[in-house]
Amino acid sequence: MSRIGERVLLQDDLLRTAWIVRRNDQAVRELCDRLADVCLELLFLDLEFRHLVEELTDDEYFLEVARLITQCRTAGIDPPVRLDTLDIREDDPRSTRRSDLDDAF
């Protein structure tokens, strides 16, 4: 939860800074790139949070993360996570599906 809050605050800071330097095209472009990265991180953090509070099952979580990674790649964006770095319960017998998804991507 704190990581989500940190990203939201960072979004606010980036937007305020972009407004301050709005006449400097290069600075605005860099800030917008960083803002896009932060927004993308928030999408992944939201999925992780929904999984932690058991709103998403392990299967749903993997499917949603895989979809988001695929969408990133389709748009030419490097996703901020890889499937092999997802935090899952190792004692869960369904956790072996992680390697199945890794092979798919």
PDB file of N, CA and C in Angstrom:
ATOM      1  N   MET A   1       0.822  -1.183   0.000  1.00  0.00           N
ATOM      2  CA  MET A   1       0.000   0.000   0.000  1.00  0.00           C
ATOM      3  C   MET A   1       0.868   1.249   0.000  1.00  0.00           C
ATOM      4  N   SER A   2       1.974   1.233   0.729  1.00  0.00           N
ATOM      5  CA  SER A   2       2.826   2.422   0.783  1.00  0.00           C
ATOM      6  C   SER A   2       3.466   2.704  -0.569  1.00  0.00           C
ATOM      7  N   ARG A   3       3.767   1.650  -1.343  1.00  0.00           N
ATOM      8  CA  ARG A   3       4.348   1.866  -2.674  1.00  0.00           C
ATOM      9  C   ARG A   3       3.350   2.559  -3.586  1.00  0.00           C
ATOM     10  N   ILE A   4       2.077   2.227  -3.451  1.00  0.00           N
ATOM     11  CA  ILE A   4       1.053   2.888  -4.254  1.00  0.00           C
ATOM     12  C   ILE A   4       0.976   4.362  -3.870  1.00  0.00           C
ATOM     13  N   GLY A   5       0.962   4.638  -2.589  1.00  0.00           N
ATOM     14  CA  GLY A   5       0.931   6.028  -2.118  1.00  0.00           C
ATOM     15  C   GLY A   5       2.134   6.821  -2.585  1.00  0.00           C
ATOM     16  N   GLU A   6       3.305   6.197  -2.558  1.00  0.00           N
ATOM     17  CA  GLU A   6       4.515   6.877  -3.032  1.00  0.00           C
ATOM     18  C   GLU A   6       4.400   7.244  -4.510  1.00  0.00           C
ATOM     19  N   ARG A   7       3.861   6.334  -5.316  1.00  0.00           N
ATOM     20  CA  ARG A   7       3.724   6.590  -6.760  1.00  0.00           C
ATOM     21  C   ARG A   7       2.703   7.686  -7.029  1.00  0.00           C
ATOM     22  N   VAL A   8       1.625   7.716  -6.228  1.00  0.00           N
ATOM     23  CA  VAL A   8       0.619   8.762  -6.392  1.00  0.00           C
ATOM     24  C   VAL A   8       1.228  10.123  -6.072  1.00  0.00           C
ATOM     25  N   LEU A   9       2.004  10.203  -4.999  1.00  0.00           N
ATOM     26  CA  LEU A   9       2.679  11.457  -4.662  1.00  0.00           C
ATOM     27  C   LEU A   9       3.673  11.855  -5.743  1.00  0.00           C
ATOM     28  N   LEU A  10       4.381  10.874  -6.287  1.00  0.00           N
ATOM     29  CA  LEU A  10       5.330  11.147  -7.362  1.00  0.00           C
ATOM     30  C   LEU A  10       4.604  11.671  -8.595  1.00  0.00           C
ATOM     31  N   GLN A  11       3.443  11.106  -8.904  1.00  0.00           N
ATOM     32  CA  GLN A  11       2.639  11.613 -10.020  1.00  0.00           C
ATOM     33  C   GLN A  11       2.320  13.091  -9.821  1.00  0.00           C
ATOM     34  N   ASP A  12       1.868  13.439  -8.622  1.00  0.00           N
ATOM     35  CA  ASP A  12       1.548  14.836  -8.326  1.00  0.00           C
ATOM     36  C   ASP A  12       2.763  15.732  -8.514  1.00  0.00           C
ATOM     37  N   ASP A  13       3.904  15.294  -7.999  1.00  0.00           N
ATOM     38  CA  ASP A  13       5.135  16.076  -8.132  1.00  0.00           C
ATOM     39  C   ASP A  13       5.524  16.260  -9.602  1.00  0.00           C
ATOM     40  N   LEU A  14       5.416  15.199 -10.381  1.00  0.00           N
ATOM     41  CA  LEU A  14       5.773  15.286 -11.794  1.00  0.00           C
ATOM     42  C   LEU A  14       4.843  16.230 -12.547  1.00  0.00           C
ATOM     43  N   LEU A  15       3.563  16.168 -12.248  1.00  0.00           N
ATOM     44  CA  LEU A  15       2.608  17.067 -12.904  1.00  0.00           C
ATOM     45  C   LEU A  15       2.857  18.522 -12.531  1.00  0.00           C
ATOM     46  N   ARG A  16       3.135  18.768 -11.267  1.00  0.00           N
ATOM     47  CA  ARG A  16       3.429  20.146 -10.838  1.00  0.00           C
ATOM     48  C   ARG A  16       4.710  20.656 -11.495  1.00  0.00           C
ATOM     49  N   THR A  17       5.715  19.801 -11.525  1.00  0.00           N
ATOM     50  CA  THR A  17       6.994  20.201 -12.128  1.00  0.00           C
ATOM     51  C   THR A  17       6.823  20.452 -13.628  1.00  0.00           C
ATOM     52  N   ALA A  18       6.044  19.618 -14.293  1.00  0.00           N
ATOM     53  CA  ALA A  18       5.801  19.820 -15.730  1.00  0.00           C
ATOM     54  C   ALA A  18       5.137  21.169 -15.977  1.00  0.00           C
ATOM     55  N   TRP A  19       4.248  21.563 -15.086  1.00  0.00           N
ATOM     56  CA  TRP A  19       3.600  22.855 -15.235  1.00  0.00           C
ATOM     57  C   TRP A  19       4.610  23.990 -15.064  1.00  0.00           C
ATOM     58  N   ILE A  20       5.496  23.838 -14.109  1.00  0.00           N
ATOM     59  CA  ILE A  20       6.494  24.881 -13.848  1.00  0.00           C
ATOM     60  C   ILE A  20       7.439  25.057 -15.030  1.00  0.00           C
ATOM     61  N   VAL A  21       7.846  23.957 -15.648  1.00  0.00           N
ATOM     62  CA  VAL A  21       8.822  24.024 -16.749  1.00  0.00           C
ATOM     63  C   VAL A  21       8.150  23.891 -18.122  1.00  0.00           C
ATOM     64  N   ARG A  22       6.867  24.219 -18.208  1.00  0.00           N
ATOM     65  CA  ARG A  22       6.077  23.977 -19.415  1.00  0.00           C
ATOM     66  C   ARG A  22       6.637  24.627 -20.677  1.00  0.00           C
ATOM     67  N   ARG A  23       7.484  25.613 -20.550  1.00  0.00           N
ATOM     68  CA  ARG A  23       8.050  26.267 -21.738  1.00  0.00           C
ATOM     69  C   ARG A  23       9.330  25.580 -22.227  1.00  0.00           C
ATOM     70  N   ASN A  24       9.824  24.630 -21.449  1.00  0.00           N
ATOM     71  CA  ASN A  24      11.030  23.887 -21.827  1.00  0.00           C
ATOM     72  C   ASN A  24      10.588  22.532 -22.378  1.00  0.00           C
ATOM     73  N   ASP A  25      10.542  22.427 -23.705  1.00  0.00           N
ATOM     74  CA  ASP A  25      10.022  21.212 -24.344  1.00  0.00           C
ATOM     75  C   ASP A  25      10.757  19.948 -23.911  1.00  0.00           C
ATOM     76  N   GLN A  26      12.072  20.017 -23.837  1.00  0.00           N
ATOM     77  CA  GLN A  26      12.856  18.834 -23.462  1.00  0.00           C
ATOM     78  C   GLN A  26      12.535  18.385 -22.032  1.00  0.00           C
ATOM     79  N   ALA A  27      12.449  19.329 -21.115  1.00  0.00           N
ATOM     80  CA  ALA A  27      12.141  18.987 -19.720  1.00  0.00           C
ATOM     81  C   ALA A  27      10.739  18.405 -19.608  1.00  0.00           C
ATOM     82  N   VAL A  28       9.792  18.988 -20.315  1.00  0.00           N
ATOM     83  CA  VAL A  28       8.412  18.480 -20.275  1.00  0.00           C
ATOM     84  C   VAL A  28       8.350  17.076 -20.855  1.00  0.00           C
ATOM     85  N   ARG A  29       9.060  16.848 -21.942  1.00  0.00           N
ATOM     86  CA  ARG A  29       9.073  15.519 -22.568  1.00  0.00           C
ATOM     87  C   ARG A  29       9.628  14.474 -21.594  1.00  0.00           C
ATOM     88  N   GLU A  30      10.717  14.801 -20.918  1.00  0.00           N
ATOM     89  CA  GLU A  30      11.317  13.868 -19.947  1.00  0.00           C
ATOM     90  C   GLU A  30      10.382  13.621 -18.769  1.00  0.00           C
ATOM     91  N   LEU A  31       9.736  14.674 -18.299  1.00  0.00           N
ATOM     92  CA  LEU A  31       8.791  14.517 -17.192  1.00  0.00           C
ATOM     93  C   LEU A  31       7.588  13.670 -17.604  1.00  0.00           C
ATOM     94  N   CYS A  32       7.111  13.860 -18.814  1.00  0.00           N
ATOM     95  CA  CYS A  32       5.976  13.059 -19.301  1.00  0.00           C
ATOM     96  C   CYS A  32       6.378  11.594 -19.460  1.00  0.00           C
ATOM     97  N   ASP A  33       7.592  11.352 -19.919  1.00  0.00           N
ATOM     98  CA  ASP A  33       8.076   9.965 -20.009  1.00  0.00           C
ATOM     99  C   ASP A  33       8.115   9.329 -18.626  1.00  0.00           C
ATOM    100  N   ARG A  34       8.618  10.064 -17.658  1.00  0.00           N
ATOM    101  CA  ARG A  34       8.684   9.541 -16.284  1.00  0.00           C
ATOM    102  C   ARG A  34       7.284   9.343 -15.720  1.00  0.00           C
ATOM    103  N   LEU A  35       6.378  10.265 -16.022  1.00  0.00           N
ATOM    104  CA  LEU A  35       5.003  10.141 -15.558  1.00  0.00           C
ATOM    105  C   LEU A  35       4.345   8.891 -16.141  1.00  0.00           C
ATOM    106  N   ALA A  36       4.593   8.627 -17.408  1.00  0.00           N
ATOM    107  CA  ALA A  36       4.047   7.414 -18.036  1.00  0.00           C
ATOM    108  C   ALA A  36       4.582   6.165 -17.341  1.00  0.00           C
ATOM    109  N   ASP A  37       5.871   6.171 -17.003  1.00  0.00           N
ATOM    110  CA  ASP A  37       6.462   5.030 -16.286  1.00  0.00           C
ATOM    111  C   ASP A  37       5.793   4.826 -14.926  1.00  0.00           C
ATOM    112  N   VAL A  38       5.573   5.927 -14.212  1.00  0.00           N
ATOM    113  CA  VAL A  38       4.950   5.845 -12.889  1.00  0.00           C
ATOM    114  C   VAL A  38       3.517   5.336 -13.003  1.00  0.00           C
ATOM    115  N   CYS A  39       2.782   5.807 -13.994  1.00  0.00           N
ATOM    116  CA  CYS A  39       1.406   5.338 -14.192  1.00  0.00           C
ATOM    117  C   CYS A  39       1.386   3.840 -14.495  1.00  0.00           C
ATOM    118  N   LEU A  40       2.327   3.396 -15.302  1.00  0.00           N
ATOM    119  CA  LEU A  40       2.404   1.970 -15.625  1.00  0.00           C
ATOM    120  C   LEU A  40       2.740   1.149 -14.378  1.00  0.00           C
ATOM    121  N   GLU A  41       3.667   1.638 -13.574  1.00  0.00           N
ATOM    122  CA  GLU A  41       3.992   0.953 -12.318  1.00  0.00           C
ATOM    123  C   GLU A  41       2.746   0.834 -11.446  1.00  0.00           C
ATOM    124  N   LEU A  42       1.938   1.888 -11.422  1.00  0.00           N
ATOM    125  CA  LEU A  42       0.720   1.863 -10.614  1.00  0.00           C
ATOM    126  C   LEU A  42      -0.262   0.799 -11.087  1.00  0.00           C
ATOM    127  N   LEU A  43      -0.333   0.585 -12.383  1.00  0.00           N
ATOM    128  CA  LEU A  43      -1.213  -0.476 -12.887  1.00  0.00           C
ATOM    129  C   LEU A  43      -0.782  -1.841 -12.357  1.00  0.00           C
ATOM    130  N   PHE A  44       0.522  -2.095 -12.379  1.00  0.00           N
ATOM    131  CA  PHE A  44       1.025  -3.369 -11.858  1.00  0.00           C
ATOM    132  C   PHE A  44       0.856  -3.456 -10.343  1.00  0.00           C
ATOM    133  N   LEU A  45       1.097  -2.350  -9.641  1.00  0.00           N
ATOM    134  CA  LEU A  45       0.921  -2.355  -8.188  1.00  0.00           C
ATOM    135  C   LEU A  45      -0.534  -2.568  -7.809  1.00  0.00           C
ATOM    136  N   ASP A  46      -1.445  -2.030  -8.593  1.00  0.00           N
ATOM    137  CA  ASP A  46      -2.861  -2.234  -8.330  1.00  0.00           C
ATOM    138  C   ASP A  46      -3.216  -3.715  -8.446  1.00  0.00           C
ATOM    139  N   LEU A  47      -2.707  -4.367  -9.479  1.00  0.00           N
ATOM    140  CA  LEU A  47      -2.955  -5.803  -9.621  1.00  0.00           C
ATOM    141  C   LEU A  47      -2.379  -6.576  -8.439  1.00  0.00           C
ATOM    142  N   GLU A  48      -1.167  -6.213  -8.034  1.00  0.00           N
ATOM    143  CA  GLU A  48      -0.536  -6.892  -6.898  1.00  0.00           C
ATOM    144  C   GLU A  48      -1.360  -6.701  -5.632  1.00  0.00           C
ATOM    145  N   PHE A  49      -1.832  -5.477  -5.402  1.00  0.00           N
ATOM    146  CA  PHE A  49      -2.634  -5.190  -4.223  1.00  0.00           C
ATOM    147  C   PHE A  49      -3.934  -5.995  -4.250  1.00  0.00           C
ATOM    148  N   ARG A  50      -4.600  -6.021  -5.411  1.00  0.00           N
ATOM    149  CA  ARG A  50      -5.846  -6.777  -5.533  1.00  0.00           C
ATOM    150  C   ARG A  50      -5.612  -8.266  -5.285  1.00  0.00           C
ATOM    151  N   HIS A  51      -4.433  -8.752  -5.640  1.00  0.00           N
ATOM    152  CA  HIS A  51      -4.091 -10.148  -5.375  1.00  0.00           C
ATOM    153  C   HIS A  51      -3.851 -10.358  -3.878  1.00  0.00           C
ATOM    154  N   LEU A  52      -3.149  -9.432  -3.256  1.00  0.00           N
ATOM    155  CA  LEU A  52      -2.844  -9.562  -1.823  1.00  0.00           C
ATOM    156  C   LEU A  52      -4.099  -9.537  -0.959  1.00  0.00           C
ATOM    157  N   VAL A  53      -5.088  -8.743  -1.352  1.00  0.00           N
ATOM    158  CA  VAL A  53      -6.331  -8.682  -0.568  1.00  0.00           C
ATOM    159  C   VAL A  53      -7.334  -9.724  -1.050  1.00  0.00           C
ATOM    160  N   GLU A  54      -6.851 -10.629  -1.881  1.00  0.00           N
ATOM    161  CA  GLU A  54      -7.610 -11.772  -2.379  1.00  0.00           C
ATOM    162  C   GLU A  54      -8.837 -11.384  -3.204  1.00  0.00           C
ATOM    163  N   GLU A  55      -8.762 -10.222  -3.834  1.00  0.00           N
ATOM    164  CA  GLU A  55      -9.787  -9.845  -4.808  1.00  0.00           C
ATOM    165  C   GLU A  55      -9.565 -10.611  -6.113  1.00  0.00           C
ATOM    166  N   LEU A  56      -8.280 -10.931  -6.378  1.00  0.00           N
ATOM    167  CA  LEU A  56      -7.911 -11.739  -7.534  1.00  0.00           C
ATOM    168  C   LEU A  56      -7.295 -13.049  -7.047  1.00  0.00           C
ATOM    169  N   THR A  57      -7.711 -14.151  -7.635  1.00  0.00           N
ATOM    170  CA  THR A  57      -7.070 -15.427  -7.328  1.00  0.00           C
ATOM    171  C   THR A  57      -5.688 -15.439  -7.976  1.00  0.00           C
ATOM    172  N   ASP A  58      -4.880 -16.434  -7.656  1.00  0.00           N
ATOM    173  CA  ASP A  58      -3.567 -16.554  -8.289  1.00  0.00           C
ATOM    174  C   ASP A  58      -3.698 -16.621  -9.807  1.00  0.00           C
ATOM    175  N   ASP A  59      -4.642 -17.424 -10.281  1.00  0.00           N
ATOM    176  CA  ASP A  59      -4.840 -17.567 -11.727  1.00  0.00           C
ATOM    177  C   ASP A  59      -5.243 -16.249 -12.373  1.00  0.00           C
ATOM    178  N   GLU A  60      -6.175 -15.544 -11.751  1.00  0.00           N
ATOM    179  CA  GLU A  60      -6.624 -14.257 -12.291  1.00  0.00           C
ATOM    180  C   GLU A  60      -5.486 -13.241 -12.291  1.00  0.00           C
ATOM    181  N   TYR A  61      -4.716 -13.246 -11.205  1.00  0.00           N
ATOM    182  CA  TYR A  61      -3.579 -12.333 -11.085  1.00  0.00           C
ATOM    183  C   TYR A  61      -2.567 -12.572 -12.200  1.00  0.00           C
ATOM    184  N   PHE A  62      -2.190 -13.818 -12.406  1.00  0.00           N
ATOM    185  CA  PHE A  62      -1.231 -14.129 -13.468  1.00  0.00           C
ATOM    186  C   PHE A  62      -1.780 -13.747 -14.836  1.00  0.00           C
ATOM    187  N   LEU A  63      -3.045 -14.028 -15.053  1.00  0.00           N
ATOM    188  CA  LEU A  63      -3.653 -13.696 -16.335  1.00  0.00           C
ATOM    189  C   LEU A  63      -3.648 -12.189 -16.573  1.00  0.00           C
ATOM    190  N   GLU A  64      -4.023 -11.416 -15.571  1.00  0.00           N
ATOM    191  CA  GLU A  64      -4.056  -9.964 -15.710  1.00  0.00           C
ATOM    192  C   GLU A  64      -2.653  -9.381 -15.905  1.00  0.00           C
ATOM    193  N   VAL A  65      -1.686  -9.894 -15.154  1.00  0.00           N
ATOM    194  CA  VAL A  65      -0.310  -9.420 -15.321  1.00  0.00           C
ATOM    195  C   VAL A  65       0.206  -9.785 -16.709  1.00  0.00           C
ATOM    196  N   ALA A  66      -0.081 -11.001 -17.148  1.00  0.00           N
ATOM    197  CA  ALA A  66       0.344 -11.423 -18.487  1.00  0.00           C
ATOM    198  C   ALA A  66      -0.284 -10.538 -19.557  1.00  0.00           C
ATOM    199  N   ARG A  67      -1.553 -10.204 -19.392  1.00  0.00           N
ATOM    200  CA  ARG A  67      -2.230  -9.314 -20.350  1.00  0.00           C
ATOM    201  C   ARG A  67      -1.568  -7.943 -20.382  1.00  0.00           C
ATOM    202  N   LEU A  68      -1.282  -7.414 -19.205  1.00  0.00           N
ATOM    203  CA  LEU A  68      -0.674  -6.088 -19.137  1.00  0.00           C
ATOM    204  C   LEU A  68       0.733  -6.092 -19.740  1.00  0.00           C
ATOM    205  N   ILE A  69       1.492  -7.144 -19.474  1.00  0.00           N
ATOM    206  CA  ILE A  69       2.826  -7.268 -20.069  1.00  0.00           C
ATOM    207  C   ILE A  69       2.711  -7.345 -21.587  1.00  0.00           C
ATOM    208  N   THR A  70       1.756  -8.103 -22.072  1.00  0.00           N
ATOM    209  CA  THR A  70       1.545  -8.223 -23.520  1.00  0.00           C
ATOM    210  C   THR A  70       1.164  -6.876 -24.121  1.00  0.00           C
ATOM    211  N   GLN A  71       0.297  -6.148 -23.451  1.00  0.00           N
ATOM    212  CA  GLN A  71      -0.093  -4.828 -23.938  1.00  0.00           C
ATOM    213  C   GLN A  71       1.103  -3.878 -23.967  1.00  0.00           C
ATOM    214  N   CYS A  72       1.948  -3.949 -22.955  1.00  0.00           N
ATOM    215  CA  CYS A  72       3.159  -3.116 -22.930  1.00  0.00           C
ATOM    216  C   CYS A  72       4.043  -3.440 -24.130  1.00  0.00           C
ATOM    217  N   ARG A  73       4.284  -4.701 -24.327  1.00  0.00           N
ATOM    218  CA  ARG A  73       5.155  -5.120 -25.430  1.00  0.00           C
ATOM    219  C   ARG A  73       4.562  -4.732 -26.778  1.00  0.00           C
ATOM    220  N   THR A  74       3.251  -4.861 -26.937  1.00  0.00           N
ATOM    221  CA  THR A  74       2.589  -4.473 -28.179  1.00  0.00           C
ATOM    222  C   THR A  74       2.780  -2.980 -28.447  1.00  0.00           C
ATOM    223  N   ALA A  75       2.766  -2.185 -27.390  1.00  0.00           N
ATOM    224  CA  ALA A  75       2.945  -0.738 -27.519  1.00  0.00           C
ATOM    225  C   ALA A  75       4.419  -0.338 -27.588  1.00  0.00           C
ATOM    226  N   GLY A  76       5.326  -1.321 -27.502  1.00  0.00           N
ATOM    227  CA  GLY A  76       6.748  -1.021 -27.559  1.00  0.00           C
ATOM    228  C   GLY A  76       7.334  -0.509 -26.257  1.00  0.00           C
ATOM    229  N   ILE A  77       6.692  -0.858 -25.160  1.00  0.00           N
ATOM    230  CA  ILE A  77       7.120  -0.412 -23.827  1.00  0.00           C
ATOM    231  C   ILE A  77       7.685  -1.605 -23.066  1.00  0.00           C
ATOM    232  N   ASP A  78       8.804  -1.398 -22.407  1.00  0.00           N
ATOM    233  CA  ASP A  78       9.349  -2.441 -21.537  1.00  0.00           C
ATOM    234  C   ASP A  78       8.553  -2.447 -20.236  1.00  0.00           C
ATOM    235  N   PRO A  79       7.881  -3.550 -19.917  1.00  0.00           N
ATOM    236  CA  PRO A  79       7.120  -3.598 -18.667  1.00  0.00           C
ATOM    237  C   PRO A  79       8.066  -3.533 -17.467  1.00  0.00           C
ATOM    238  N   PRO A  80       7.613  -2.914 -16.367  1.00  0.00           N
ATOM    239  CA  PRO A  80       8.482  -2.773 -15.190  1.00  0.00           C
ATOM    240  C   PRO A  80       8.646  -4.062 -14.389  1.00  0.00           C
ATOM    241  N   VAL A  81       7.954  -5.129 -14.772  1.00  0.00           N
ATOM    242  CA  VAL A  81       8.077  -6.413 -14.082  1.00  0.00           C
ATOM    243  C   VAL A  81       8.214  -7.529 -15.107  1.00  0.00           C
ATOM    244  N   ARG A  82       8.728  -8.651 -14.626  1.00  0.00           N
ATOM    245  CA  ARG A  82       8.750  -9.887 -15.414  1.00  0.00           C
ATOM    246  C   ARG A  82       7.953 -10.912 -14.650  1.00  0.00           C
ATOM    247  N   LEU A  83       7.419 -11.861 -15.343  1.00  0.00           N
ATOM    248  CA  LEU A  83       6.597 -12.866 -14.673  1.00  0.00           C
ATOM    249  C   LEU A  83       7.363 -13.655 -13.626  1.00  0.00           C
ATOM    250  N   ASP A  84       8.663 -13.839 -13.813  1.00  0.00           N
ATOM    251  CA  ASP A  84       9.426 -14.615 -12.834  1.00  0.00           C
ATOM    252  C   ASP A  84       9.719 -13.823 -11.565  1.00  0.00           C
ATOM    253  N   THR A  85       9.353 -12.541 -11.530  1.00  0.00           N
ATOM    254  CA  THR A  85       9.579 -11.745 -10.326  1.00  0.00           C
ATOM    255  C   THR A  85       8.302 -11.537  -9.521  1.00  0.00           C
ATOM    256  N   LEU A  86       7.200 -12.124  -9.950  1.00  0.00           N
ATOM    257  CA  LEU A  86       5.948 -11.957  -9.229  1.00  0.00           C
ATOM    258  C   LEU A  86       6.020 -12.625  -7.868  1.00  0.00           C
ATOM    259  N   ASP A  87       5.420 -11.968  -6.901  1.00  0.00           N
ATOM    260  CA  ASP A  87       5.411 -12.475  -5.536  1.00  0.00           C
ATOM    261  C   ASP A  87       4.191 -13.370  -5.349  1.00  0.00           C
ATOM    262  N   ILE A  88       4.434 -14.666  -5.227  1.00  0.00           N
ATOM    263  CA  ILE A  88       3.343 -15.608  -4.973  1.00  0.00           C
ATOM    264  C   ILE A  88       3.720 -16.471  -3.787  1.00  0.00           C
ATOM    265  N   ARG A  89       2.734 -17.155  -3.283  1.00  0.00           N
ATOM    266  CA  ARG A  89       2.979 -18.044  -2.141  1.00  0.00           C
ATOM    267  C   ARG A  89       3.634 -19.320  -2.650  1.00  0.00           C
ATOM    268  N   GLU A  90       4.839 -19.593  -2.186  1.00  0.00           N
ATOM    269  CA  GLU A  90       5.589 -20.761  -2.647  1.00  0.00           C
ATOM    270  C   GLU A  90       4.964 -22.076  -2.200  1.00  0.00           C
ATOM    271  N   ASP A  91       4.182 -22.044  -1.115  1.00  0.00           N
ATOM    272  CA  ASP A  91       3.568 -23.275  -0.646  1.00  0.00           C
ATOM    273  C   ASP A  91       2.283 -23.611  -1.394  1.00  0.00           C
ATOM    274  N   ASP A  92       1.874 -22.720  -2.291  1.00  0.00           N
ATOM    275  CA  ASP A  92       0.661 -22.934  -3.076  1.00  0.00           C
ATOM    276  C   ASP A  92       0.990 -23.853  -4.252  1.00  0.00           C
ATOM    277  N   PRO A  93       0.324 -24.991  -4.378  1.00  0.00           N
ATOM    278  CA  PRO A  93       0.631 -25.910  -5.475  1.00  0.00           C
ATOM    279  C   PRO A  93       0.393 -25.300  -6.845  1.00  0.00           C
ATOM    280  N   ARG A  94      -0.451 -24.271  -6.920  1.00  0.00           N
ATOM    281  CA  ARG A  94      -0.693 -23.613  -8.203  1.00  0.00           C
ATOM    282  C   ARG A  94       0.474 -22.722  -8.611  1.00  0.00           C
ATOM    283  N   SER A  95       1.436 -22.502  -7.725  1.00  0.00           N
ATOM    284  CA  SER A  95       2.550 -21.611  -8.033  1.00  0.00           C
ATOM    285  C   SER A  95       3.422 -22.137  -9.164  1.00  0.00           C
ATOM    286  N   THR A  96       3.303 -23.399  -9.492  1.00  0.00           N
ATOM    287  CA  THR A  96       4.071 -23.933 -10.614  1.00  0.00           C
ATOM    288  C   THR A  96       3.632 -23.319 -11.933  1.00  0.00           C
ATOM    289  N   ARG A  97       2.478 -22.707 -11.969  1.00  0.00           N
ATOM    290  CA  ARG A  97       2.004 -22.062 -13.185  1.00  0.00           C
ATOM    291  C   ARG A  97       2.870 -20.872 -13.568  1.00  0.00           C
ATOM    292  N   ARG A  98       3.610 -20.346 -12.622  1.00  0.00           N
ATOM    293  CA  ARG A  98       4.507 -19.233 -12.916  1.00  0.00           C
ATOM    294  C   ARG A  98       5.476 -19.633 -14.018  1.00  0.00           C
ATOM    295  N   SER A  99       6.054 -20.823 -13.951  1.00  0.00           N
ATOM    296  CA  SER A  99       6.997 -21.235 -14.969  1.00  0.00           C
ATOM    297  C   SER A  99       6.295 -21.469 -16.312  1.00  0.00           C
ATOM    298  N   ASP A 100       5.052 -21.920 -16.268  1.00  0.00           N
ATOM    299  CA  ASP A 100       4.298 -22.086 -17.505  1.00  0.00           C
ATOM    300  C   ASP A 100       4.118 -20.752 -18.205  1.00  0.00           C
ATOM    301  N   LEU A 101       3.820 -19.708 -17.438  1.00  0.00           N
ATOM    302  CA  LEU A 101       3.645 -18.382 -18.037  1.00  0.00           C
ATOM    303  C   LEU A 101       4.970 -17.824 -18.532  1.00  0.00           C
ATOM    304  N   ASP A 102       6.045 -18.067 -17.789  1.00  0.00           N
ATOM    305  CA  ASP A 102       7.352 -17.582 -18.219  1.00  0.00           C
ATOM    306  C   ASP A 102       7.703 -18.144 -19.600  1.00  0.00           C
ATOM    307  N   ASP A 103       7.380 -19.412 -19.821  1.00  0.00           N
ATOM    308  CA  ASP A 103       7.665 -20.028 -21.116  1.00  0.00           C
ATOM    309  C   ASP A 103       6.858 -19.378 -22.218  1.00  0.00           C
ATOM    310  N   ALA A 104       5.674 -18.902 -21.883  1.00  0.00           N
ATOM    311  CA  ALA A 104       4.798 -18.293 -22.888  1.00  0.00           C
ATOM    312  C   ALA A 104       5.278 -16.898 -23.299  1.00  0.00           C
ATOM    313  N   PHE A 105       6.067 -16.272 -22.458  1.00  0.00           N
ATOM    314  CA  PHE A 105       6.507 -14.920 -22.753  1.00  0.00           C
ATOM    315  C   PHE A 105       8.006 -14.898 -22.881  1.00  0.00           C
TER     316      PHE A 105
END
